[in-house]
Amino acid sequence: MSSRTVSIDEMAEAINEGLEEYATLAADEMKAAVKKTAKSVKEEISANAPVKSGAYAKSWATKATSETSESIEMTVYSKNKYQLAHLLEKGHALRQGGRARAFPHIAPAEENGETMLVELIEKALS
């Protein structure tokens, strides 16, 4: 926002211009924070995923589910091994009886992502 002298009659318009400029900058900063957080969550899931062949860990990706001029929604997902995500995260019943142990790798990344997003937004808007 530029510093300029305005008359009383023009003050409302100047305030609205300043608020619109701030809203645009805030939306851009928030979008960048969401994109950075989604990438970080994807990388953390891939790093902490159980490794048998490595294909499951490599299958994680991000995509923008919806985007407007003011908001963005990002999704972190497994491209071709999505069937395994829940089974590995929560464990599952085995055919011969008993249960396979759980490998929690999605929930911790999600919690870290929530914290990171809040910190990035607070930093950007302060």
N, C-alpha and C. Protein backbone atom coordinates (compact mmCIF):
# COMPACT_ATOMS: atom_id res chain seq x y z
N MET A 1 0.85 -1.17 0.00
CA MET A 1 0.00 0.00 0.00
C MET A 1 0.89 1.22 0.00
N SER A 2 0.58 2.14 -0.87
CA SER A 2 1.38 3.36 -0.96
C SER A 2 0.92 4.36 0.09
N SER A 3 1.86 5.17 0.51
CA SER A 3 1.48 6.23 1.46
C SER A 3 1.15 7.46 0.65
N ARG A 4 -0.07 7.89 0.76
CA ARG A 4 -0.51 9.07 0.02
C ARG A 4 -1.49 9.84 0.88
N THR A 5 -1.66 11.07 0.55
CA THR A 5 -2.59 11.92 1.28
C THR A 5 -3.95 11.84 0.59
N VAL A 6 -4.97 11.59 1.40
CA VAL A 6 -6.32 11.52 0.85
C VAL A 6 -7.24 12.43 1.65
N SER A 7 -8.25 12.89 0.99
CA SER A 7 -9.23 13.72 1.68
C SER A 7 -10.21 12.81 2.42
N ILE A 8 -11.00 13.39 3.26
CA ILE A 8 -12.01 12.64 4.02
C ILE A 8 -12.96 11.93 3.06
N ASP A 9 -13.31 12.57 1.97
CA ASP A 9 -14.24 11.97 1.01
C ASP A 9 -13.64 10.73 0.34
N GLU A 10 -12.34 10.70 0.19
CA GLU A 10 -11.67 9.58 -0.49
C GLU A 10 -11.17 8.50 0.48
N MET A 11 -11.34 8.74 1.79
CA MET A 11 -10.77 7.83 2.78
C MET A 11 -11.37 6.42 2.68
N ALA A 12 -12.67 6.29 2.52
CA ALA A 12 -13.30 4.97 2.44
C ALA A 12 -12.76 4.19 1.25
N GLU A 13 -12.60 4.85 0.14
CA GLU A 13 -12.07 4.19 -1.06
C GLU A 13 -10.62 3.76 -0.85
N ALA A 14 -9.81 4.61 -0.21
CA ALA A 14 -8.41 4.28 0.05
C ALA A 14 -8.31 3.09 1.01
N ILE A 15 -9.17 3.06 2.02
CA ILE A 15 -9.16 1.94 2.97
C ILE A 15 -9.54 0.65 2.26
N ASN A 16 -10.57 0.70 1.42
CA ASN A 16 -10.99 -0.49 0.67
C ASN A 16 -9.89 -0.98 -0.25
N GLU A 17 -9.19 -0.08 -0.91
CA GLU A 17 -8.08 -0.47 -1.78
C GLU A 17 -7.00 -1.19 -0.98
N GLY A 18 -6.68 -0.65 0.19
CA GLY A 18 -5.67 -1.26 1.04
C GLY A 18 -6.09 -2.64 1.51
N LEU A 19 -7.35 -2.79 1.89
CA LEU A 19 -7.84 -4.08 2.34
C LEU A 19 -7.86 -5.10 1.21
N GLU A 20 -8.23 -4.68 0.00
CA GLU A 20 -8.23 -5.58 -1.15
C GLU A 20 -6.81 -6.03 -1.48
N GLU A 21 -5.86 -5.11 -1.39
CA GLU A 21 -4.46 -5.45 -1.66
C GLU A 21 -3.95 -6.45 -0.62
N TYR A 22 -4.28 -6.23 0.65
CA TYR A 22 -3.87 -7.15 1.71
C TYR A 22 -4.51 -8.52 1.52
N ALA A 23 -5.79 -8.55 1.15
CA ALA A 23 -6.49 -9.82 0.94
C ALA A 23 -5.84 -10.62 -0.19
N THR A 24 -5.46 -9.94 -1.26
CA THR A 24 -4.79 -10.61 -2.38
C THR A 24 -3.44 -11.18 -1.95
N LEU A 25 -2.66 -10.38 -1.24
CA LEU A 25 -1.35 -10.85 -0.77
C LEU A 25 -1.51 -12.00 0.21
N ALA A 26 -2.50 -11.89 1.11
CA ALA A 26 -2.72 -12.95 2.09
C ALA A 26 -3.14 -14.25 1.40
N ALA A 27 -4.00 -14.16 0.40
CA ALA A 27 -4.44 -15.35 -0.32
C ALA A 27 -3.26 -16.01 -1.03
N ASP A 28 -2.40 -15.22 -1.65
CA ASP A 28 -1.22 -15.77 -2.32
C ASP A 28 -0.28 -16.45 -1.34
N GLU A 29 -0.07 -15.83 -0.18
CA GLU A 29 0.80 -16.41 0.84
C GLU A 29 0.20 -17.70 1.39
N MET A 30 -1.09 -17.72 1.60
CA MET A 30 -1.74 -18.92 2.12
C MET A 30 -1.69 -20.05 1.10
N LYS A 31 -1.88 -19.74 -0.17
CA LYS A 31 -1.78 -20.77 -1.21
C LYS A 31 -0.37 -21.37 -1.23
N ALA A 32 0.63 -20.51 -1.14
CA ALA A 32 2.02 -21.00 -1.13
C ALA A 32 2.27 -21.88 0.09
N ALA A 33 1.72 -21.50 1.24
CA ALA A 33 1.89 -22.29 2.46
C ALA A 33 1.22 -23.65 2.31
N VAL A 34 0.04 -23.71 1.71
CA VAL A 34 -0.67 -24.98 1.53
C VAL A 34 0.11 -25.88 0.57
N LYS A 35 0.63 -25.32 -0.51
CA LYS A 35 1.41 -26.12 -1.46
C LYS A 35 2.68 -26.68 -0.82
N LYS A 36 3.37 -25.83 -0.05
CA LYS A 36 4.60 -26.26 0.61
C LYS A 36 4.31 -27.35 1.64
N THR A 37 3.21 -27.20 2.37
CA THR A 37 2.84 -28.18 3.39
C THR A 37 2.48 -29.51 2.74
N ALA A 38 1.71 -29.47 1.65
CA ALA A 38 1.33 -30.71 0.96
C ALA A 38 2.57 -31.46 0.47
N LYS A 39 3.52 -30.73 -0.08
CA LYS A 39 4.76 -31.35 -0.56
C LYS A 39 5.53 -31.98 0.61
N SER A 40 5.57 -31.27 1.73
CA SER A 40 6.27 -31.78 2.91
C SER A 40 5.60 -33.05 3.45
N VAL A 41 4.27 -33.05 3.49
CA VAL A 41 3.54 -34.23 3.98
C VAL A 41 3.80 -35.42 3.06
N LYS A 42 3.77 -35.20 1.76
CA LYS A 42 4.05 -36.27 0.79
C LYS A 42 5.45 -36.84 1.00
N GLU A 43 6.42 -35.97 1.17
CA GLU A 43 7.80 -36.43 1.36
C GLU A 43 7.96 -37.19 2.67
N GLU A 44 7.26 -36.73 3.74
CA GLU A 44 7.35 -37.42 5.03
C GLU A 44 6.69 -38.80 4.97
N ILE A 45 5.56 -38.88 4.29
CA ILE A 45 4.90 -40.20 4.13
C ILE A 45 5.80 -41.14 3.36
N SER A 46 6.38 -40.66 2.27
CA SER A 46 7.27 -41.50 1.47
C SER A 46 8.49 -41.95 2.26
N ALA A 47 9.03 -41.05 3.07
CA ALA A 47 10.22 -41.39 3.85
C ALA A 47 9.92 -42.41 4.95
N ASN A 48 8.73 -42.35 5.54
CA ASN A 48 8.40 -43.22 6.67
C ASN A 48 7.56 -44.43 6.27
N ALA A 49 7.25 -44.58 5.00
CA ALA A 49 6.45 -45.71 4.54
C ALA A 49 7.24 -47.01 4.66
N PRO A 50 6.53 -48.11 4.96
CA PRO A 50 7.23 -49.40 5.01
C PRO A 50 7.80 -49.74 3.64
N VAL A 51 8.99 -50.32 3.64
CA VAL A 51 9.67 -50.60 2.37
C VAL A 51 9.78 -52.10 2.16
N LYS A 52 9.15 -52.56 1.10
CA LYS A 52 9.33 -53.94 0.67
C LYS A 52 10.06 -53.88 -0.67
N SER A 53 9.41 -53.25 -1.65
CA SER A 53 10.06 -53.07 -2.94
C SER A 53 10.36 -51.59 -3.20
N GLY A 54 9.73 -50.70 -2.42
CA GLY A 54 9.91 -49.27 -2.62
C GLY A 54 8.85 -48.64 -3.49
N ALA A 55 8.02 -49.46 -4.14
CA ALA A 55 7.00 -48.93 -5.04
C ALA A 55 5.92 -48.17 -4.27
N TYR A 56 5.56 -48.64 -3.09
CA TYR A 56 4.53 -47.97 -2.29
C TYR A 56 5.00 -46.58 -1.89
N ALA A 57 6.22 -46.46 -1.41
CA ALA A 57 6.74 -45.16 -0.99
C ALA A 57 6.83 -44.19 -2.16
N LYS A 58 7.17 -44.70 -3.34
CA LYS A 58 7.29 -43.84 -4.52
C LYS A 58 5.94 -43.47 -5.12
N SER A 59 4.87 -44.13 -4.69
CA SER A 59 3.57 -43.90 -5.30
C SER A 59 2.86 -42.65 -4.78
N TRP A 60 3.38 -42.00 -3.76
CA TRP A 60 2.71 -40.84 -3.17
C TRP A 60 2.91 -39.61 -4.02
N ALA A 61 1.83 -38.83 -4.16
CA ALA A 61 1.85 -37.62 -4.98
C ALA A 61 0.90 -36.58 -4.38
N THR A 62 0.98 -35.36 -4.90
CA THR A 62 0.07 -34.29 -4.50
C THR A 62 -0.61 -33.74 -5.74
N LYS A 63 -1.81 -33.22 -5.54
CA LYS A 63 -2.48 -32.54 -6.64
C LYS A 63 -3.41 -31.48 -6.06
N ALA A 64 -3.64 -30.45 -6.84
CA ALA A 64 -4.58 -29.41 -6.44
C ALA A 64 -5.98 -29.91 -6.78
N THR A 65 -6.76 -30.18 -5.74
CA THR A 65 -8.11 -30.70 -5.95
C THR A 65 -9.04 -29.61 -6.45
N SER A 66 -8.95 -28.43 -5.84
CA SER A 66 -9.72 -27.28 -6.32
C SER A 66 -8.93 -26.02 -6.02
N GLU A 67 -9.07 -25.05 -6.90
CA GLU A 67 -8.35 -23.79 -6.71
C GLU A 67 -9.19 -22.65 -7.25
N THR A 68 -9.31 -21.61 -6.44
CA THR A 68 -9.95 -20.37 -6.86
C THR A 68 -8.94 -19.26 -6.68
N SER A 69 -9.36 -18.04 -6.93
CA SER A 69 -8.44 -16.93 -6.75
C SER A 69 -8.11 -16.69 -5.28
N GLU A 70 -8.96 -17.17 -4.38
CA GLU A 70 -8.74 -16.94 -2.95
C GLU A 70 -8.35 -18.18 -2.16
N SER A 71 -8.50 -19.38 -2.73
CA SER A 71 -8.22 -20.58 -1.95
C SER A 71 -7.68 -21.70 -2.83
N ILE A 72 -7.10 -22.68 -2.15
CA ILE A 72 -6.60 -23.87 -2.84
C ILE A 72 -6.79 -25.06 -1.91
N GLU A 73 -7.11 -26.18 -2.51
CA GLU A 73 -7.25 -27.43 -1.76
C GLU A 73 -6.32 -28.45 -2.39
N MET A 74 -5.38 -28.94 -1.59
CA MET A 74 -4.41 -29.91 -2.08
C MET A 74 -4.73 -31.28 -1.50
N THR A 75 -4.47 -32.31 -2.28
CA THR A 75 -4.68 -33.69 -1.83
C THR A 75 -3.36 -34.44 -1.94
N VAL A 76 -3.02 -35.15 -0.88
CA VAL A 76 -1.86 -36.04 -0.89
C VAL A 76 -2.43 -37.44 -0.99
N TYR A 77 -1.99 -38.20 -1.99
CA TYR A 77 -2.60 -39.51 -2.24
C TYR A 77 -1.57 -40.47 -2.83
N SER A 78 -1.90 -41.75 -2.77
CA SER A 78 -1.08 -42.78 -3.39
C SER A 78 -1.65 -43.06 -4.77
N LYS A 79 -0.84 -42.87 -5.80
CA LYS A 79 -1.32 -42.97 -7.18
C LYS A 79 -1.80 -44.37 -7.55
N ASN A 80 -1.00 -45.38 -7.29
CA ASN A 80 -1.36 -46.72 -7.76
C ASN A 80 -1.30 -47.79 -6.67
N LYS A 81 -1.01 -47.41 -5.45
CA LYS A 81 -0.97 -48.37 -4.34
C LYS A 81 -1.94 -47.93 -3.24
N TYR A 82 -3.01 -47.25 -3.64
CA TYR A 82 -3.95 -46.71 -2.67
C TYR A 82 -4.63 -47.80 -1.84
N GLN A 83 -4.72 -49.02 -2.36
CA GLN A 83 -5.36 -50.10 -1.62
C GLN A 83 -4.57 -50.45 -0.36
N LEU A 84 -3.27 -50.24 -0.39
CA LEU A 84 -2.42 -50.60 0.73
C LEU A 84 -2.40 -49.56 1.85
N ALA A 85 -2.75 -48.33 1.55
CA ALA A 85 -2.58 -47.25 2.52
C ALA A 85 -3.28 -47.55 3.84
N HIS A 86 -4.55 -47.85 3.81
CA HIS A 86 -5.30 -48.11 5.04
C HIS A 86 -4.81 -49.38 5.73
N LEU A 87 -4.54 -50.41 4.95
CA LEU A 87 -4.09 -51.69 5.52
C LEU A 87 -2.76 -51.54 6.25
N LEU A 88 -1.84 -50.80 5.66
CA LEU A 88 -0.55 -50.60 6.30
C LEU A 88 -0.65 -49.64 7.49
N GLU A 89 -1.47 -48.62 7.37
CA GLU A 89 -1.61 -47.62 8.44
C GLU A 89 -2.26 -48.22 9.68
N LYS A 90 -3.31 -49.01 9.50
CA LYS A 90 -4.11 -49.51 10.63
C LYS A 90 -3.86 -50.97 10.97
N GLY A 91 -3.19 -51.71 10.11
CA GLY A 91 -3.06 -53.15 10.31
C GLY A 91 -4.29 -53.84 9.73
N HIS A 92 -4.26 -55.19 9.62
CA HIS A 92 -5.39 -55.90 9.04
C HIS A 92 -5.36 -57.36 9.49
N ALA A 93 -6.50 -58.01 9.32
CA ALA A 93 -6.61 -59.42 9.66
C ALA A 93 -5.86 -60.26 8.63
N LEU A 94 -5.22 -61.30 9.09
CA LEU A 94 -4.50 -62.20 8.19
C LEU A 94 -5.37 -63.40 7.84
N ARG A 95 -5.12 -63.97 6.68
CA ARG A 95 -5.89 -65.12 6.21
C ARG A 95 -5.78 -66.31 7.16
N GLN A 96 -4.60 -66.56 7.68
CA GLN A 96 -4.38 -67.71 8.56
C GLN A 96 -4.72 -67.38 10.02
N GLY A 97 -5.31 -66.21 10.27
CA GLY A 97 -5.66 -65.81 11.63
C GLY A 97 -4.67 -64.80 12.17
N GLY A 98 -5.06 -64.09 13.16
CA GLY A 98 -4.20 -63.07 13.74
C GLY A 98 -4.32 -61.76 12.97
N ARG A 99 -3.44 -60.85 13.31
CA ARG A 99 -3.46 -59.54 12.67
C ARG A 99 -2.06 -59.14 12.23
N ALA A 100 -1.98 -58.46 11.13
CA ALA A 100 -0.71 -57.87 10.69
C ALA A 100 -0.51 -56.58 11.49
N ARG A 101 0.72 -56.28 11.82
CA ARG A 101 0.96 -55.09 12.63
C ARG A 101 0.76 -53.83 11.79
N ALA A 102 0.42 -52.76 12.46
CA ALA A 102 0.20 -51.47 11.79
C ALA A 102 1.55 -50.76 11.61
N PHE A 103 1.66 -50.02 10.53
CA PHE A 103 2.82 -49.17 10.26
C PHE A 103 2.32 -47.73 10.14
N PRO A 104 2.11 -47.05 11.27
CA PRO A 104 1.60 -45.68 11.18
C PRO A 104 2.61 -44.76 10.50
N HIS A 105 2.26 -44.27 9.34
CA HIS A 105 3.14 -43.36 8.59
C HIS A 105 2.35 -42.20 8.00
N ILE A 106 1.04 -42.33 7.89
CA ILE A 106 0.22 -41.25 7.32
C ILE A 106 -0.21 -40.28 8.42
N ALA A 107 -0.72 -40.80 9.53
CA ALA A 107 -1.23 -39.93 10.62
C ALA A 107 -0.15 -39.02 11.19
N PRO A 108 1.07 -39.51 11.46
CA PRO A 108 2.10 -38.59 11.97
C PRO A 108 2.44 -37.48 10.97
N ALA A 109 2.47 -37.82 9.68
CA ALA A 109 2.76 -36.81 8.66
C ALA A 109 1.64 -35.78 8.59
N GLU A 110 0.40 -36.24 8.75
CA GLU A 110 -0.74 -35.33 8.74
C GLU A 110 -0.68 -34.36 9.93
N GLU A 111 -0.36 -34.87 11.11
CA GLU A 111 -0.25 -34.02 12.29
C GLU A 111 0.87 -32.99 12.13
N ASN A 112 2.01 -33.42 11.62
CA ASN A 112 3.12 -32.50 11.37
C ASN A 112 2.74 -31.46 10.32
N GLY A 113 1.97 -31.88 9.32
CA GLY A 113 1.52 -30.96 8.29
C GLY A 113 0.59 -29.89 8.83
N GLU A 114 -0.31 -30.28 9.74
CA GLU A 114 -1.21 -29.29 10.35
C GLU A 114 -0.42 -28.24 11.11
N THR A 115 0.55 -28.69 11.89
CA THR A 115 1.38 -27.76 12.66
C THR A 115 2.17 -26.85 11.73
N MET A 116 2.76 -27.44 10.70
CA MET A 116 3.56 -26.67 9.75
C MET A 116 2.71 -25.62 9.04
N LEU A 117 1.50 -25.99 8.64
CA LEU A 117 0.63 -25.05 7.93
C LEU A 117 0.28 -23.86 8.80
N VAL A 118 -0.07 -24.12 10.05
CA VAL A 118 -0.40 -23.02 10.97
C VAL A 118 0.79 -22.09 11.14
N GLU A 119 1.99 -22.67 11.32
CA GLU A 119 3.19 -21.85 11.50
C GLU A 119 3.49 -21.02 10.25
N LEU A 120 3.37 -21.63 9.07
CA LEU A 120 3.65 -20.89 7.83
C LEU A 120 2.66 -19.75 7.62
N ILE A 121 1.40 -19.99 7.90
CA ILE A 121 0.38 -18.95 7.71
C ILE A 121 0.61 -17.82 8.72
N GLU A 122 0.87 -18.17 9.98
CA GLU A 122 1.12 -17.13 10.98
C GLU A 122 2.33 -16.30 10.61
N LYS A 123 3.39 -16.95 10.11
CA LYS A 123 4.60 -16.24 9.72
C LYS A 123 4.32 -15.33 8.52
N ALA A 124 3.56 -15.83 7.57
CA ALA A 124 3.28 -15.05 6.35
C ALA A 124 2.39 -13.84 6.63
N LEU A 125 1.47 -13.97 7.56
CA LEU A 125 0.52 -12.89 7.80
C LEU A 125 0.96 -11.92 8.90
N SER A 126 2.08 -12.21 9.54
CA SER A 126 2.54 -11.29 10.59
C SER A 126 3.44 -10.20 10.04
